[in-house]
């Protein structure tokens, strides 16, 4: 499992901008917010509320798994987008997270074919 490098991360200010000015797409258990930017690479943030998972260990595990999935597929994700993934339900398996994330990315044509 690898961490998401700094150049692929969104700052808290940029996260607020995406929430306010970006577009939204709902999927099964997750919501995707995205906004076009002029950067040479996509940038990401993962948000998991304490309503979704009470224990911080669970939230952090889900966040790490999601960032690992995003980093593995970063070459398949279109350049020039700020992307936020917000979880509405708890996922236990990595494959379930991967399926949900890739589904909403494909739905909005943010993945190269």
Protein backbone atom coordinates (compact mmCIF):
# COMPACT_ATOMS: atom_id res chain seq x y z
CA UNK A 1 0.00 0.00 0.00
CA UNK A 2 1.49 3.33 -1.01
CA UNK A 3 0.59 6.82 0.14
CA UNK A 4 -0.79 9.36 -2.29
CA UNK A 5 2.08 11.74 -3.19
CA UNK A 6 1.69 15.39 -2.23
CA UNK A 7 1.21 16.65 -5.80
CA UNK A 8 -1.95 14.50 -6.08
CA UNK A 9 -3.58 15.89 -2.92
CA UNK A 10 -6.03 18.75 -2.45
CA UNK A 11 -5.62 21.36 0.30
CA UNK A 12 -8.55 22.14 2.59
CA UNK A 13 -9.16 25.41 0.72
CA UNK A 14 -9.25 23.58 -2.62
CA UNK A 15 -11.64 21.00 -1.16
CA UNK A 16 -14.04 23.81 -0.21
CA UNK A 17 -13.81 25.23 -3.74
CA UNK A 18 -14.68 21.86 -5.28
CA UNK A 19 -17.67 21.46 -2.95
CA UNK A 20 -18.96 24.94 -3.84
CA UNK A 21 -18.13 25.19 -7.56
CA UNK A 22 -17.80 21.59 -8.65
CA UNK A 23 -20.22 19.07 -10.08
CA UNK A 24 -21.62 16.09 -8.20
CA UNK A 25 -22.35 12.49 -9.10
CA UNK A 26 -23.92 9.98 -6.73
CA UNK A 27 -23.02 6.33 -6.81
CA UNK A 28 -23.68 3.32 -4.64
CA UNK A 29 -22.56 4.44 -1.19
CA UNK A 30 -20.30 7.25 -2.40
CA UNK A 31 -20.65 10.71 -3.90
CA UNK A 32 -18.10 12.12 -6.32
CA UNK A 33 -17.44 15.86 -6.51
CA UNK A 34 -15.22 17.06 -9.32
CA UNK A 35 -14.07 20.30 -10.88
CA UNK A 36 -11.89 21.08 -13.88
CA UNK A 37 -8.49 22.61 -13.14
CA UNK A 38 -5.49 23.56 -15.24
CA UNK A 39 -3.03 21.20 -13.58
CA UNK A 40 -1.07 18.50 -15.44
CA UNK A 41 -2.39 15.77 -13.13
CA UNK A 42 -5.59 14.89 -11.27
CA UNK A 43 -5.76 15.75 -7.56
CA UNK A 44 -7.79 13.93 -4.91
CA UNK A 45 -9.35 14.12 -1.47
CA UNK A 46 -11.30 11.46 0.43
CA UNK A 47 -13.95 12.44 3.00
CA UNK A 48 -15.44 9.98 5.48
CA UNK A 49 -17.78 11.31 8.15
CA UNK A 50 -17.93 9.90 11.66
CA UNK A 51 -21.58 9.11 10.86
CA UNK A 52 -20.35 6.55 8.34
CA UNK A 53 -17.85 4.85 10.65
CA UNK A 54 -17.67 5.70 14.34
CA UNK A 55 -14.12 4.50 14.89
CA UNK A 56 -11.31 6.59 13.44
CA UNK A 57 -9.34 3.41 12.77
CA UNK A 58 -12.09 2.25 10.40
CA UNK A 59 -12.33 5.65 8.68
CA UNK A 60 -8.56 5.87 8.23
CA UNK A 61 -8.40 2.32 6.87
CA UNK A 62 -11.10 3.15 4.30
CA UNK A 63 -9.29 6.39 3.43
CA UNK A 64 -5.94 4.62 2.95
CA UNK A 65 -7.52 1.90 0.79
CA UNK A 66 -9.27 4.51 -1.34
CA UNK A 67 -6.12 6.59 -1.84
CA UNK A 68 -4.20 3.45 -2.75
CA UNK A 69 -6.84 2.58 -5.36
CA UNK A 70 -6.73 6.12 -6.78
CA UNK A 71 -2.94 6.04 -6.96
CA UNK A 72 -2.96 2.68 -8.76
CA UNK A 73 -5.43 4.02 -11.35
CA UNK A 74 -3.99 7.56 -11.60
CA UNK A 75 -2.68 6.90 -15.11
CA UNK A 76 -6.24 5.95 -16.19
CA UNK A 77 -7.87 9.05 -14.69
CA UNK A 78 -8.17 12.10 -16.94
CA UNK A 79 -5.72 14.90 -16.23
CA UNK A 80 -6.82 18.32 -15.07
CA UNK A 81 -9.52 17.46 -12.52
CA UNK A 82 -9.87 17.96 -8.78
CA UNK A 83 -11.79 14.97 -7.42
CA UNK A 84 -13.34 14.44 -3.98
CA UNK A 85 -14.82 11.12 -2.93
CA UNK A 86 -17.32 11.30 -0.06
CA UNK A 87 -18.49 8.06 1.55
CA UNK A 88 -22.12 7.63 2.61
CA UNK A 89 -21.77 4.06 3.82
CA UNK A 90 -19.08 1.86 5.23
CA UNK A 91 -17.22 -0.54 2.97
CA UNK A 92 -15.27 -3.40 4.49
CA UNK A 93 -13.57 -4.92 1.45
CA UNK A 94 -11.05 -3.21 -0.81
CA UNK A 95 -12.78 -4.67 -3.88
CA UNK A 96 -16.10 -3.07 -2.89
CA UNK A 97 -14.41 0.33 -2.54
CA UNK A 98 -12.64 -0.12 -5.87
CA UNK A 99 -15.86 -1.08 -7.66
CA UNK A 100 -17.77 1.91 -6.23
CA UNK A 101 -15.01 4.42 -7.00
CA UNK A 102 -14.40 3.20 -10.54
CA UNK A 103 -18.16 3.11 -11.21
CA UNK A 104 -18.67 6.83 -10.45
CA UNK A 105 -15.47 7.80 -12.29
CA UNK A 106 -16.65 5.91 -15.39
CA UNK A 107 -20.15 7.35 -15.06
CA UNK A 108 -18.74 10.88 -15.39
CA UNK A 109 -16.22 9.90 -18.10
CA UNK A 110 -13.26 10.73 -15.86
CA UNK A 111 -11.47 7.52 -16.85
CA UNK A 112 -9.62 6.91 -20.09
CA UNK A 113 -11.04 3.92 -21.93
